[in-house]
Amino acid sequence: MSTSALVVGAPAPEFSLVALGSNRVINLDVCRGTPLLLVFHDQNTVDAVQALQEAVRARYPEAGRLLAPSVVNMSAVPVFLRPLAEQVMKGVYAKAADAMPPGLDVADYVIILLDWDGKVSMRYNARKIGNAPLVTLIDGEGIVRGVHQGDDLIGAALAMLDGVVL
């Protein structure tokens, strides 16, 4: 398992995680044909991620054109506290679902993937996400089209999406 930087233009690392709330499996095969904007973050950067997801939803309001799942590295949570942590995250999901505009399917817009062992976060080189979320754009063919962590998260993500989301 490599923790080296992702290469734009290279195949994305395989992963498979279950979405909190909908229990939908998210992986490269299931999402073939649909671009993925993976957003790696923790509780310290939730506000930045929410603003990013609102900006993406405003630009691409139609369901099915793009999935923008949050990937939360939960590996620091001790096994005995995981049920409690999952309940807390379900509360986060419910709050996000309540904030959705009417008429939208929450399962298409609020996708929280709990990375319990941290392996997906490691494969995608998601480090220091407590300071700034990491966004990785994967096209519908499973190729990495952009990676950004740092200032102007929204502007960088929207620029990456231009030309990938049709």
Protein backbone atom coordinates (compact mmCIF):
# COMPACT_ATOMS: atom_id res chain seq x y z
CA MET A 1 0.00 0.00 0.00
CA SER A 2 1.63 3.17 -1.19
CA THR A 3 1.30 6.55 0.46
CA SER A 4 2.99 8.38 -2.42
CA ALA A 5 1.26 11.25 -4.15
CA LEU A 6 -1.40 10.42 -6.69
CA VAL A 7 -0.47 10.99 -10.31
CA VAL A 8 -2.90 12.96 -12.44
CA GLY A 9 -3.65 10.88 -15.53
CA ALA A 10 -3.02 7.56 -13.77
CA PRO A 11 -5.66 5.04 -12.68
CA ALA A 12 -7.18 5.82 -9.29
CA PRO A 13 -6.45 3.42 -6.45
CA GLU A 14 -9.19 0.85 -5.90
CA PHE A 15 -11.45 1.28 -2.88
CA SER A 16 -14.82 0.13 -1.62
CA LEU A 17 -16.68 1.84 1.22
CA VAL A 18 -20.28 1.80 2.40
CA ALA A 19 -22.20 5.09 2.55
CA LEU A 20 -23.57 5.99 5.95
CA GLY A 21 -27.34 6.35 5.89
CA SER A 22 -28.06 4.74 2.52
CA ASN A 23 -25.77 1.70 2.94
CA ARG A 24 -24.85 2.15 -0.72
CA VAL A 25 -21.51 0.67 -1.78
CA ILE A 26 -19.24 3.23 -3.41
CA ASN A 27 -16.30 1.99 -5.45
CA LEU A 28 -14.75 2.61 -8.86
CA ASP A 29 -16.70 -0.20 -10.57
CA VAL A 30 -20.10 0.85 -9.20
CA CYS A 31 -19.40 4.46 -10.16
CA ARG A 32 -18.07 3.73 -13.66
CA GLY A 33 -19.37 6.43 -15.99
CA THR A 34 -19.85 8.94 -13.18
CA PRO A 35 -17.11 11.32 -12.04
CA LEU A 36 -16.22 11.16 -8.33
CA LEU A 37 -14.99 14.09 -6.31
CA LEU A 38 -13.64 12.38 -3.20
CA VAL A 39 -13.33 14.80 -0.29
CA PHE A 40 -11.08 13.55 2.51
CA HIS A 41 -11.57 15.38 5.80
CA ASP A 42 -12.13 15.11 9.53
CA GLN A 43 -14.31 16.90 12.07
CA ASN A 44 -12.03 19.96 12.05
CA THR A 45 -12.74 20.75 8.39
CA VAL A 46 -16.46 19.93 8.16
CA ASP A 47 -17.45 23.57 7.55
CA ALA A 48 -15.06 23.89 4.58
CA VAL A 49 -16.36 20.62 3.14
CA GLN A 50 -19.99 21.69 3.54
CA ALA A 51 -19.26 24.96 1.70
CA LEU A 52 -17.47 23.01 -1.05
CA GLN A 53 -20.33 20.56 -1.46
CA GLU A 54 -22.90 23.37 -1.60
CA ALA A 55 -20.86 25.12 -4.33
CA VAL A 56 -20.55 21.87 -6.30
CA ARG A 57 -24.28 21.15 -5.92
CA ALA A 58 -25.10 24.68 -7.13
CA ARG A 59 -22.91 24.23 -10.23
CA TYR A 60 -24.05 20.64 -10.94
CA PRO A 61 -27.57 20.32 -9.52
CA GLU A 62 -28.65 17.29 -11.56
CA ALA A 63 -28.30 13.98 -9.71
CA GLY A 64 -26.16 11.41 -11.46
CA ARG A 65 -23.76 13.81 -13.19
CA LEU A 66 -21.30 13.72 -10.30
CA LEU A 67 -20.87 12.09 -6.91
CA ALA A 68 -19.00 14.03 -4.22
CA PRO A 69 -18.58 11.68 -1.27
CA SER A 70 -16.94 12.69 1.99
CA VAL A 71 -14.33 10.18 3.12
CA VAL A 72 -13.72 10.34 6.86
CA ASN A 73 -10.67 8.54 8.23
CA MET A 74 -11.96 6.81 11.37
CA SER A 75 -8.84 4.74 12.08
CA ALA A 76 -8.04 6.70 15.26
CA VAL A 77 -11.32 5.58 16.83
CA PRO A 78 -10.74 2.59 19.15
CA VAL A 79 -12.75 -0.49 18.21
CA PHE A 80 -14.80 -0.35 21.43
CA LEU A 81 -15.89 3.23 20.63
CA ARG A 82 -16.86 2.59 17.00
CA PRO A 83 -20.58 2.05 17.69
CA LEU A 84 -20.70 5.41 19.49
CA ALA A 85 -18.71 7.11 16.73
CA GLU A 86 -21.04 5.67 14.12
CA GLN A 87 -24.05 7.04 16.03
CA VAL A 88 -22.42 10.48 16.10
CA MET A 89 -21.78 10.27 12.36
CA LYS A 90 -25.39 9.23 11.75
CA GLY A 91 -26.36 12.45 13.53
CA VAL A 92 -24.09 14.38 11.16
CA TYR A 93 -25.75 12.60 8.23
CA ALA A 94 -29.23 13.45 9.54
CA LYS A 95 -28.27 17.11 9.98
CA ALA A 96 -26.90 17.25 6.42
CA ALA A 97 -30.00 15.48 5.10
CA ASP A 98 -32.25 18.02 6.85
CA ALA A 99 -30.33 20.86 5.19
CA MET A 100 -30.94 19.47 1.69
CA PRO A 101 -33.25 21.44 -0.59
CA PRO A 102 -36.68 19.80 -1.00
CA GLY A 103 -37.13 17.36 -3.86
CA LEU A 104 -33.58 16.05 -3.91
CA ASP A 105 -32.69 12.46 -3.04
CA VAL A 106 -30.43 12.69 -0.01
CA ALA A 107 -28.62 9.46 -1.02
CA ASP A 108 -27.34 11.19 -4.18
CA TYR A 109 -26.03 14.27 -2.40
CA VAL A 110 -25.07 13.34 1.16
CA ILE A 111 -22.56 10.53 0.84
CA ILE A 112 -20.45 9.97 3.95
CA LEU A 113 -17.95 7.14 3.68
CA LEU A 114 -16.40 5.99 6.95
CA ASP A 115 -12.86 4.71 6.37
CA TRP A 116 -12.59 2.65 9.58
CA ASP A 117 -9.12 1.23 8.98
CA GLY A 118 -7.75 4.30 7.18
CA LYS A 119 -6.60 2.26 4.18
CA VAL A 120 -8.49 4.29 1.60
CA SER A 121 -7.16 7.53 3.09
CA MET A 122 -3.64 6.10 2.92
CA ARG A 123 -4.06 4.98 -0.71
CA TYR A 124 -5.14 8.49 -1.62
CA ASN A 125 -2.37 10.15 0.41
CA ALA A 126 -4.89 12.02 2.57
CA ARG A 127 -2.64 13.56 5.20
CA LYS A 128 -3.05 16.55 7.47
CA ILE A 129 -6.75 16.71 6.62
CA GLY A 130 -7.39 18.34 9.99
CA ASN A 131 -5.81 21.48 8.54
CA ALA A 132 -7.26 21.32 5.04
CA PRO A 133 -9.45 18.78 3.24
CA LEU A 134 -7.99 16.89 0.28
CA VAL A 135 -10.05 16.67 -2.89
CA THR A 136 -9.38 14.11 -5.59
CA LEU A 137 -11.27 14.10 -8.88
CA ILE A 138 -11.68 10.76 -10.64
CA ASP A 139 -13.33 10.68 -14.05
CA GLY A 140 -15.96 8.14 -15.10
CA GLU A 141 -13.24 5.82 -16.41
CA GLY A 142 -11.42 5.67 -13.07
CA ILE A 143 -8.56 8.04 -13.98
CA VAL A 144 -7.29 10.69 -11.54
CA ARG A 145 -7.99 14.08 -13.12
CA GLY A 146 -7.05 16.38 -10.27
CA VAL A 147 -5.81 16.55 -6.68
CA HIS A 148 -5.88 19.60 -4.42
CA GLN A 149 -5.25 20.36 -0.76
CA GLY A 150 -4.82 23.88 0.53
CA ASP A 151 -6.13 27.35 -0.17
CA ASP A 152 -9.18 28.05 -2.34
CA LEU A 153 -10.63 24.58 -2.04
CA ILE A 154 -13.86 25.56 -3.79
CA GLY A 155 -12.18 27.34 -6.70
CA ALA A 156 -9.72 24.49 -7.22
CA ALA A 157 -12.45 21.83 -7.09
CA LEU A 158 -14.71 23.70 -9.52
CA ALA A 159 -11.78 24.26 -11.91
CA MET A 160 -10.95 20.52 -11.80
CA LEU A 161 -14.59 19.64 -12.52
CA ASP A 162 -14.76 21.85 -15.63
CA GLY A 163 -14.38 19.58 -18.64
CA VAL A 164 -14.77 16.36 -16.62
CA VAL A 165 -18.42 16.72 -15.64
CA LEU A 166 -20.49 17.04 -18.81
